[in-house]
Amino acid sequence: MSVQDFVSYRDRIVDACSRAIVGKKNEITLIAVCYLCGGHILLEDVPGTGKTMLFRAFSRATGGSFKRIQFTPDVMPSDVTGINFYNLKTGEFEFRPGPVFASMVLADEINRATPRTQSSLLEAMAERQVSVDGVTRELGSTFMVAATQNPIESFGTFPLPEAQLDRFMMRIKLGYMQRSEEIGVALRQDTETIIAGIEPVVSEEETLKLRAELDSVSISDAVMNYIMDIVDRTRNDSRFNIGASVRGTIALCRTARAYAAFSGRGFVTPDDVKMLAPYVLAHRLHYRTAVGSMESEETFRTMLEGVAVPTEE
């Protein structure tokens, strides 16, 4: 496959999702990068910015099934993974799958669930499988968790532990639309109708084929050393208690390859790495002072500016 196959893949997804979600082509591209890399995504933003609509549109464009879990403190792990129940008609126990058995699972307001319920997603996110009563069941190859949390409200929430945050390949924010875009959305037909009209534009087979080709996108020694310079800085900077994990390094390399391919190149540039690093690494760090998501990203970007970028020479 050529890089043009990657560009076509990206364009089809972005164009389909942009019918419902206006002015967010960069964010849709980042979600597509995450999806192609087999990762999971954490979306932090205020209510009403189109997070659920975006993921519903994305699942339709990629031809997958979509399930939404509204997390609250009373949601139990079995409400996520499923349960074994006794069928009176057959006289046997049967498994009733939970909403995690879908191509794309929207974990809405995940930080409102208790730590025990949050952890019920760990196995699914890390290994694409679910274990219930000693029986392990496989999830799909393109399984993806898209979690949301509100960065403003704090009452009644349980902060995600570092181990769970590290399972998310990226953290992004949608933000508000431009004035003209918001006027257009307010005056157009119902967004639900638009999403219902989105047909699959890529297949699971195409996704898996392109995923297997990502390793053919080259990363030079200079760019690889730049990635390691960024990771090493997070581990030695006084602003962080805990730096980026090895999983974070791998995620940055893989997403940089996908982003380069989506840009029509067969090689990764330092600009690819610098653009993606805040989305891939900022949420994985443990900051010495308590900061919100906005402040943590700003702190990371400030640190990133202090890392020398390799030049062509």
Protein backbone atom coordinates (compact mmCIF):
# COMPACT_ATOMS: atom_id res chain seq x y z
CA MET A 1 0.00 0.00 0.00
CA SER A 2 1.15 3.57 -0.71
CA VAL A 3 0.87 6.64 1.47
CA GLN A 4 -1.99 7.76 -0.77
CA ASP A 5 -4.03 4.90 0.66
CA PHE A 6 -3.55 6.43 4.12
CA VAL A 7 -4.47 9.91 2.84
CA SER A 8 -7.62 8.56 1.19
CA TYR A 9 -8.53 6.70 4.39
CA ARG A 10 -8.15 9.88 6.45
CA ASP A 11 -10.06 12.08 3.98
CA ARG A 12 -13.04 9.74 3.83
CA ILE A 13 -13.37 9.61 7.62
CA VAL A 14 -12.88 13.36 8.09
CA ASP A 15 -15.34 14.25 5.32
CA ALA A 16 -18.01 11.88 6.68
CA CYS A 17 -17.69 13.06 10.29
CA SER A 18 -17.53 16.74 9.25
CA ARG A 19 -21.07 16.45 7.92
CA ALA A 20 -22.22 16.24 11.55
CA ILE A 21 -19.37 17.91 13.46
CA VAL A 22 -18.37 21.23 11.92
CA GLY A 23 -14.94 22.85 12.18
CA LYS A 24 -13.16 20.00 13.96
CA LYS A 25 -11.14 18.38 11.17
CA ASN A 26 -7.93 18.37 13.20
CA GLU A 27 -9.62 16.65 16.16
CA ILE A 28 -11.29 14.11 13.85
CA THR A 29 -7.89 13.39 12.30
CA LEU A 30 -6.39 12.79 15.73
CA ILE A 31 -9.18 10.35 16.60
CA ALA A 32 -8.57 8.59 13.27
CA VAL A 33 -4.85 8.37 14.11
CA CYS A 34 -5.73 6.83 17.47
CA TYR A 35 -8.18 4.40 15.86
CA LEU A 36 -5.70 3.29 13.20
CA CYS A 37 -3.04 2.74 15.87
CA GLY A 38 -5.41 0.59 17.93
CA GLY A 39 -5.44 3.05 20.83
CA HIS A 40 -8.05 4.60 23.11
CA ILE A 41 -8.85 8.28 23.53
CA LEU A 42 -9.78 10.56 26.43
CA LEU A 43 -11.81 13.65 25.56
CA GLU A 44 -12.03 16.42 28.12
CA ASP A 45 -14.37 19.33 27.55
CA VAL A 46 -17.40 21.17 28.84
CA PRO A 47 -20.87 19.69 28.21
CA GLY A 48 -22.60 20.43 24.94
CA THR A 49 -19.57 20.63 22.64
CA GLY A 50 -20.53 17.57 20.59
CA LYS A 51 -18.41 14.82 22.15
CA THR A 52 -21.09 12.12 21.96
CA MET A 53 -22.18 13.21 18.49
CA LEU A 54 -18.60 13.07 17.24
CA PHE A 55 -18.03 9.52 18.43
CA ARG A 56 -21.37 8.36 17.07
CA ALA A 57 -20.53 9.87 13.69
CA PHE A 58 -17.07 8.28 13.80
CA SER A 59 -18.45 4.82 14.59
CA ARG A 60 -20.87 5.07 11.65
CA ALA A 61 -18.12 6.25 9.29
CA THR A 62 -15.92 3.30 10.30
CA GLY A 63 -18.76 0.79 10.09
CA GLY A 64 -18.58 -0.32 13.70
CA SER A 65 -21.15 -0.80 16.44
CA PHE A 66 -21.53 1.91 19.05
CA LYS A 67 -22.45 1.62 22.74
CA ARG A 68 -22.61 4.38 25.32
CA ILE A 69 -22.16 3.91 29.06
CA GLN A 70 -23.27 6.78 31.29
CA PHE A 71 -21.00 6.41 34.30
CA THR A 72 -22.39 7.30 37.73
CA PRO A 73 -21.27 6.26 41.22
CA ASP A 74 -23.82 3.42 41.31
CA VAL A 75 -22.67 1.77 38.06
CA MET A 76 -21.17 -1.65 38.83
CA PRO A 77 -18.38 -3.47 36.94
CA SER A 78 -20.94 -6.04 35.75
CA ASP A 79 -22.93 -3.20 34.15
CA VAL A 80 -19.89 -2.69 31.91
CA THR A 81 -18.59 -6.19 31.22
CA GLY A 82 -21.78 -8.26 31.45
CA ILE A 83 -23.07 -11.00 33.78
CA ASN A 84 -23.83 -14.70 33.94
CA PHE A 85 -27.50 -15.29 34.72
CA TYR A 86 -29.60 -18.39 35.26
CA ASN A 87 -32.04 -19.04 32.42
CA LEU A 88 -35.15 -20.68 33.89
CA LYS A 89 -36.21 -21.97 30.48
CA THR A 90 -32.99 -23.81 29.67
CA GLY A 91 -31.94 -24.54 33.25
CA GLU A 92 -28.43 -23.30 32.50
CA PHE A 93 -26.33 -20.24 33.16
CA GLU A 94 -25.95 -17.91 30.19
CA PHE A 95 -23.73 -14.91 29.60
CA ARG A 96 -25.37 -11.58 28.90
CA PRO A 97 -22.71 -9.33 27.33
CA GLY A 98 -22.34 -5.78 28.60
CA PRO A 99 -21.95 -2.65 26.49
CA VAL A 100 -18.16 -3.15 26.35
CA PHE A 101 -18.83 -5.70 23.58
CA ALA A 102 -18.98 -3.13 20.77
CA SER A 103 -16.57 -1.67 18.25
CA MET A 104 -16.60 1.76 19.87
CA VAL A 105 -17.53 2.22 23.53
CA LEU A 106 -18.23 5.73 24.76
CA ALA A 107 -17.45 5.86 28.48
CA ASP A 108 -19.32 9.07 29.26
CA GLU A 109 -18.09 10.97 32.34
CA ILE A 110 -15.84 8.09 33.30
CA ASN A 111 -14.53 9.93 36.36
CA ARG A 112 -17.99 9.77 37.98
CA ALA A 113 -17.63 6.01 38.40
CA THR A 114 -15.95 4.45 41.42
CA PRO A 115 -12.34 3.25 41.03
CA ARG A 116 -13.58 -0.36 41.04
CA THR A 117 -15.87 0.28 38.07
CA GLN A 118 -13.22 2.32 36.27
CA SER A 119 -10.82 -0.61 36.58
CA SER A 120 -13.34 -2.92 34.87
CA LEU A 121 -12.24 -1.32 31.60
CA LEU A 122 -8.51 -1.89 32.16
CA GLU A 123 -8.37 -5.45 30.83
CA ALA A 124 -10.53 -4.56 27.84
CA MET A 125 -8.36 -1.54 26.98
CA ALA A 126 -5.03 -3.29 27.48
CA GLU A 127 -5.72 -6.74 26.04
CA ARG A 128 -9.00 -6.45 24.09
CA GLN A 129 -10.62 -9.12 26.20
CA VAL A 130 -12.99 -9.39 29.15
CA SER A 131 -12.86 -11.97 31.94
CA VAL A 132 -16.09 -12.75 33.80
CA ASP A 133 -16.34 -15.59 36.34
CA GLY A 134 -13.08 -17.08 35.10
CA VAL A 135 -14.07 -17.13 31.43
CA THR A 136 -12.20 -14.87 29.00
CA ARG A 137 -14.03 -13.48 25.98
CA GLU A 138 -12.31 -11.70 23.11
CA LEU A 139 -13.27 -8.27 21.86
CA GLY A 140 -12.97 -7.08 18.27
CA SER A 141 -9.65 -6.18 16.62
CA THR A 142 -10.80 -2.59 16.14
CA PHE A 143 -12.25 -2.20 19.66
CA MET A 144 -11.83 1.35 20.94
CA VAL A 145 -12.75 3.12 24.18
CA ALA A 146 -13.55 6.81 23.89
CA ALA A 147 -13.92 8.27 27.38
CA THR A 148 -15.11 11.74 28.35
CA GLN A 149 -14.78 13.71 31.53
CA ASN A 150 -15.77 17.23 32.47
CA PRO A 151 -12.73 19.34 33.48
CA ILE A 152 -14.84 21.87 35.40
CA GLU A 153 -17.05 19.88 37.74
CA SER A 154 -15.26 18.13 40.58
CA PHE A 155 -18.04 17.29 43.04
CA GLY A 156 -18.90 13.61 42.97
CA THR A 157 -15.97 12.58 40.79
CA PHE A 158 -13.14 10.11 41.28
CA PRO A 159 -9.85 11.11 39.59
CA LEU A 160 -8.54 8.55 37.13
CA PRO A 161 -5.44 6.80 38.47
CA GLU A 162 -2.15 7.06 36.56
CA ALA A 163 -2.40 3.40 35.50
CA GLN A 164 -5.70 4.06 33.75
CA LEU A 165 -4.65 7.38 32.23
CA ASP A 166 -1.62 5.61 30.78
CA ARG A 167 -3.97 3.29 28.84
CA PHE A 168 -5.31 6.23 26.82
CA MET A 169 -3.22 6.85 23.74
CA MET A 170 -4.30 10.49 23.49
CA ARG A 171 -6.16 13.18 25.37
CA ILE A 172 -7.78 15.88 23.27
CA LYS A 173 -10.26 18.73 23.69
CA LEU A 174 -12.92 19.82 21.21
CA GLY A 175 -13.44 23.42 22.26
CA TYR A 176 -16.15 25.74 20.97
CA MET A 177 -16.91 26.33 17.29
CA GLN A 178 -16.18 29.54 15.43
CA ARG A 179 -19.07 32.02 15.46
CA SER A 180 -20.03 31.46 11.79
CA GLU A 181 -19.85 27.66 12.22
CA GLU A 182 -22.08 27.73 15.28
CA ILE A 183 -24.67 29.84 13.48
CA GLY A 184 -24.70 27.35 10.62
CA VAL A 185 -25.17 24.42 13.01
CA ALA A 186 -27.99 26.18 14.87
CA LEU A 187 -29.90 26.82 11.62
CA ARG A 188 -29.38 23.50 9.85
CA GLN A 189 -31.41 20.31 10.07
CA ASP A 190 -31.29 18.09 13.15
CA THR A 191 -27.80 16.64 13.76
CA GLU A 192 -29.35 13.27 14.67
CA THR A 193 -30.74 13.02 11.14
CA ILE A 194 -27.36 13.86 9.65
CA ILE A 195 -25.58 11.20 11.73
CA ALA A 196 -28.22 8.62 10.82
CA GLY A 197 -27.44 9.32 7.16
CA ILE A 198 -23.70 8.66 7.46
CA GLU A 199 -22.72 5.47 5.68
CA PRO A 200 -19.52 3.48 6.38
CA VAL A 201 -16.64 4.91 4.35
CA VAL A 202 -13.92 2.50 5.56
CA SER A 203 -14.02 -1.16 6.56
CA GLU A 204 -12.46 -3.14 9.37
CA GLU A 205 -10.40 -5.06 6.80
CA GLU A 206 -8.97 -1.82 5.38
CA THR A 207 -8.19 -0.55 8.87
CA LEU A 208 -6.30 -3.72 9.79
CA LYS A 209 -4.37 -3.70 6.50
CA LEU A 210 -3.26 -0.11 6.98
CA ARG A 211 -2.44 -0.78 10.63
CA ALA A 212 -0.07 -3.56 9.53
CA GLU A 213 1.65 -1.13 7.15
CA LEU A 214 2.44 1.50 9.79
CA ASP A 215 5.85 0.01 10.55
CA SER A 216 6.90 0.79 6.98
CA VAL A 217 6.78 4.52 7.81
CA SER A 218 10.38 5.29 8.72
CA ILE A 219 11.68 7.14 11.76
CA SER A 220 15.25 8.43 11.38
CA ASP A 221 17.79 8.19 14.19
CA ALA A 222 17.63 11.96 14.66
CA VAL A 223 13.84 11.95 15.08
CA MET A 224 13.98 8.89 17.37
CA ASN A 225 16.56 10.65 19.54
CA TYR A 226 14.29 13.72 19.61
CA ILE A 227 11.45 11.53 20.92
CA MET A 228 13.76 10.15 23.60
CA ASP A 229 14.97 13.65 24.51
CA ILE A 230 11.35 14.65 25.18
CA VAL A 231 10.67 11.50 27.22
CA ASP A 232 13.92 11.89 29.19
CA ARG A 233 13.09 15.52 29.96
CA THR A 234 9.75 14.49 31.52
CA ARG A 235 11.61 12.01 33.72
CA ASN A 236 14.16 14.55 34.93
CA ASP A 237 12.23 17.81 35.04
CA SER A 238 11.49 19.14 38.53
CA ARG A 239 7.89 19.93 37.56
CA PHE A 240 7.03 16.22 37.37
CA ASN A 241 7.04 13.52 40.02
CA ILE A 242 6.64 10.75 37.45
CA GLY A 243 7.67 11.07 33.81
CA ALA A 244 6.41 9.40 30.66
CA SER A 245 6.20 5.61 30.67
CA VAL A 246 7.63 3.25 28.08
CA ARG A 247 4.04 2.80 26.88
CA GLY A 248 4.00 6.55 26.25
CA THR A 249 7.19 6.35 24.17
CA ILE A 250 5.72 3.56 22.06
CA ALA A 251 2.46 5.50 21.62
CA LEU A 252 4.30 8.63 20.47
CA CYS A 253 6.30 6.65 17.90
CA ARG A 254 3.23 4.86 16.56
CA THR A 255 0.98 7.91 16.35
CA ALA A 256 3.77 9.89 14.67
CA ARG A 257 3.97 7.19 11.99
CA ALA A 258 0.20 7.29 11.43
CA TYR A 259 0.11 11.09 11.33
CA ALA A 260 2.99 11.19 8.84
CA ALA A 261 1.22 8.65 6.60
CA PHE A 262 -2.03 10.65 6.83
CA SER A 263 0.02 13.67 5.70
CA GLY A 264 1.19 11.81 2.61
CA ARG A 265 4.71 11.03 3.78
CA GLY A 266 6.58 7.78 4.27
CA PHE A 267 8.74 9.23 7.04
CA VAL A 268 8.26 11.03 10.36
CA THR A 269 9.43 14.61 10.83
CA PRO A 270 10.26 16.43 14.09
CA ASP A 271 7.17 18.60 13.49
CA ASP A 272 4.98 15.47 13.61
CA VAL A 273 6.47 14.57 16.99
CA LYS A 274 6.23 18.10 18.39
CA MET A 275 2.59 18.43 17.33
CA LEU A 276 1.52 15.07 18.79
CA ALA A 277 3.58 15.01 22.00
CA PRO A 278 1.18 17.14 24.11
CA TYR A 279 -1.78 14.94 23.12
CA VAL A 280 0.10 11.70 23.75
CA LEU A 281 2.24 12.46 26.81
CA ALA A 282 0.81 15.36 28.87
CA HIS A 283 -1.93 13.30 30.56
CA ARG A 284 0.49 10.49 31.50
CA LEU A 285 2.65 12.63 33.78
CA HIS A 286 2.33 13.13 37.53
CA TYR A 287 2.75 16.83 38.28
CA ARG A 288 4.34 18.05 41.52
CA THR A 289 1.61 20.64 41.99
CA ALA A 290 -2.08 19.91 41.56
CA VAL A 291 -3.12 21.16 38.11
CA GLY A 292 -6.13 20.79 35.87
CA SER A 293 -6.00 19.42 32.35
CA MET A 294 -5.51 22.87 30.78
CA GLU A 295 -2.66 23.77 33.13
CA SER A 296 -1.00 20.38 32.69
CA GLU A 297 -0.94 20.76 28.92
CA GLU A 298 0.45 24.29 29.19
CA THR A 299 3.16 23.06 31.58
CA PHE A 300 4.05 20.27 29.17
CA ARG A 301 4.18 22.63 26.18
CA THR A 302 6.48 24.97 28.11
CA MET A 303 8.79 22.05 28.86
CA LEU A 304 8.60 20.91 25.22
CA GLU A 305 9.86 24.28 23.98
CA GLY A 306 13.05 23.67 25.96
CA VAL A 307 13.89 20.48 24.07
CA ALA A 308 16.15 21.06 21.07
CA VAL A 309 14.53 20.14 17.74
CA PRO A 310 16.83 18.34 15.28
CA THR A 311 17.59 20.31 12.12
CA GLU A 312 18.08 19.05 8.59
CA GLU A 313 21.82 19.45 8.96
